[in-house]
Protein backbone atom coordinates (compact mmCIF):
# COMPACT_ATOMS: atom_id res chain seq x y z
CA UNK A 1 0.12 -0.04 0.01
CA UNK A 2 2.42 2.39 -1.23
CA UNK A 3 -0.02 4.91 -2.41
CA UNK A 4 -2.31 4.15 0.61
CA UNK A 5 -5.46 2.88 -1.21
CA UNK A 6 -6.92 -0.52 -1.59
CA UNK A 7 -5.93 -1.55 -5.09
CA UNK A 8 -7.69 -5.06 -4.59
CA UNK A 9 -10.57 -3.29 -3.77
CA UNK A 10 -10.82 -1.08 -6.81
CA UNK A 11 -10.19 -3.82 -8.89
CA UNK A 12 -13.14 -6.09 -7.55
CA UNK A 13 -15.33 -2.87 -7.88
CA UNK A 14 -14.20 -2.41 -11.39
CA UNK A 15 -15.23 -6.20 -12.25
CA UNK A 16 -18.20 -5.88 -10.67
CA UNK A 17 -19.27 -2.61 -12.45
CA UNK A 18 -18.68 -4.18 -15.88
CA UNK A 19 -20.33 -7.15 -15.00
CA UNK A 20 -23.50 -5.33 -14.32
CA UNK A 21 -22.69 -3.01 -17.35
CA UNK A 22 -22.51 -6.11 -19.55
CA UNK A 23 -25.91 -7.58 -18.13
CA UNK A 24 -27.83 -4.72 -18.34
CA UNK A 25 -26.67 -4.35 -22.18
CA UNK A 26 -27.25 -8.09 -22.28
CA UNK A 27 -24.18 -8.40 -23.86
CA UNK A 28 -23.04 -11.04 -22.00
CA UNK A 29 -24.63 -13.20 -19.07
CA UNK A 30 -21.48 -14.93 -18.08
CA UNK A 31 -18.84 -12.11 -17.79
CA UNK A 32 -15.94 -13.98 -16.32
CA UNK A 33 -12.50 -12.43 -14.87
CA UNK A 34 -10.67 -14.13 -17.71
CA UNK A 35 -12.71 -11.55 -20.20
CA UNK A 36 -12.29 -8.64 -17.79
CA UNK A 37 -8.50 -8.86 -17.61
CA UNK A 38 -7.87 -9.21 -21.02
CA UNK A 39 -5.64 -6.50 -22.39
CA UNK A 40 -7.24 -6.19 -25.61
CA UNK A 41 -10.43 -5.26 -23.61
CA UNK A 42 -9.40 -3.36 -20.34
CA UNK A 43 -7.15 -0.26 -20.50
CA UNK A 44 -5.56 -0.95 -17.12
CA UNK A 45 -4.38 -4.25 -18.13
CA UNK A 46 -3.15 -3.18 -21.73
CA UNK A 47 -1.18 -0.53 -19.63
CA UNK A 48 0.57 -3.30 -17.43
CA UNK A 49 0.67 -6.15 -19.79
CA UNK A 50 4.48 -6.48 -19.99
CA UNK A 51 4.69 -6.28 -16.31
CA UNK A 52 6.13 -9.54 -14.29
CA UNK A 53 5.76 -10.10 -10.72
CA UNK A 54 8.14 -11.93 -8.41
CA UNK A 55 6.65 -14.27 -5.84
CA UNK A 56 8.90 -16.11 -3.33
CA UNK A 57 8.37 -19.71 -3.48
CA UNK A 58 6.95 -21.86 -1.00
CA UNK A 59 10.16 -23.17 0.82
CA UNK A 60 10.84 -26.85 0.99
CA UNK A 61 13.61 -29.01 2.06
CA UNK A 62 13.86 -31.11 -0.95
CA UNK A 63 13.97 -27.96 -3.40
CA UNK A 64 17.37 -26.80 -4.38
CA UNK A 65 16.15 -23.62 -5.64
CA UNK A 66 13.88 -22.50 -2.57
CA UNK A 67 15.21 -18.96 -2.45
CA UNK A 68 14.35 -18.44 -6.30
CA UNK A 69 11.22 -16.27 -7.09
CA UNK A 70 8.63 -17.44 -9.39
CA UNK A 71 7.62 -15.24 -12.17
CA UNK A 72 3.72 -14.38 -12.90
CA UNK A 73 2.31 -12.34 -15.35
CA UNK A 74 0.60 -9.50 -13.48
CA UNK A 75 -2.62 -9.93 -15.32
CA UNK A 76 -2.86 -13.62 -14.14
CA UNK A 77 -1.93 -12.43 -10.56
CA UNK A 78 -4.72 -9.64 -10.49
CA UNK A 79 -7.15 -12.10 -11.89
CA UNK A 80 -6.73 -14.58 -9.42
CA UNK A 81 -6.62 -12.15 -6.42
CA UNK A 82 -9.97 -10.94 -7.99
CA UNK A 83 -11.27 -14.60 -7.65
CA UNK A 84 -9.95 -15.11 -4.54
CA UNK A 85 -11.53 -12.14 -2.93
CA UNK A 86 -14.72 -12.79 -4.78
CA UNK A 87 -15.05 -16.17 -3.05
CA UNK A 88 -13.59 -15.73 0.23
CA UNK A 89 -14.74 -12.00 1.37
CA UNK A 90 -17.72 -10.60 -0.91
CA UNK A 91 -19.40 -13.39 -3.17
CA UNK A 92 -20.13 -12.29 -6.38
CA UNK A 93 -23.79 -10.50 -6.69
CA UNK A 94 -26.41 -12.83 -7.96
CA UNK A 95 -28.76 -11.13 -10.36
CA UNK A 96 -30.74 -14.11 -11.31
CA UNK A 97 -33.80 -15.05 -8.69
CA UNK A 98 -33.30 -17.80 -6.89
CA UNK A 99 -36.93 -17.96 -5.94
CA UNK A 100 -40.20 -16.25 -6.68
CA UNK A 101 -42.07 -15.09 -4.20
CA UNK A 102 -46.10 -15.28 -5.13
CA UNK A 103 -47.86 -12.54 -3.16
């Protein structure tokens, strides 16, 4: 949090906003994180398409390269973070009625 704002929450909000916009326009009922993070579709990911992120590997005794970093595409990391956050902290908003109340 170098810039003092919740970056992940902004990503999740952006994804949900675009899901709603696509649902309203009937463009796509099943808009997924993979589509949202496509650099051809989203200008944020287009700007950062060549960025890789270093992630420290999970240490293990058998692994001779345990101090090496894994390199991951920024887009993939952001997509996985949004999926994880949406699963653990804030479930995706449901737009289809689960039941109909007869009044």
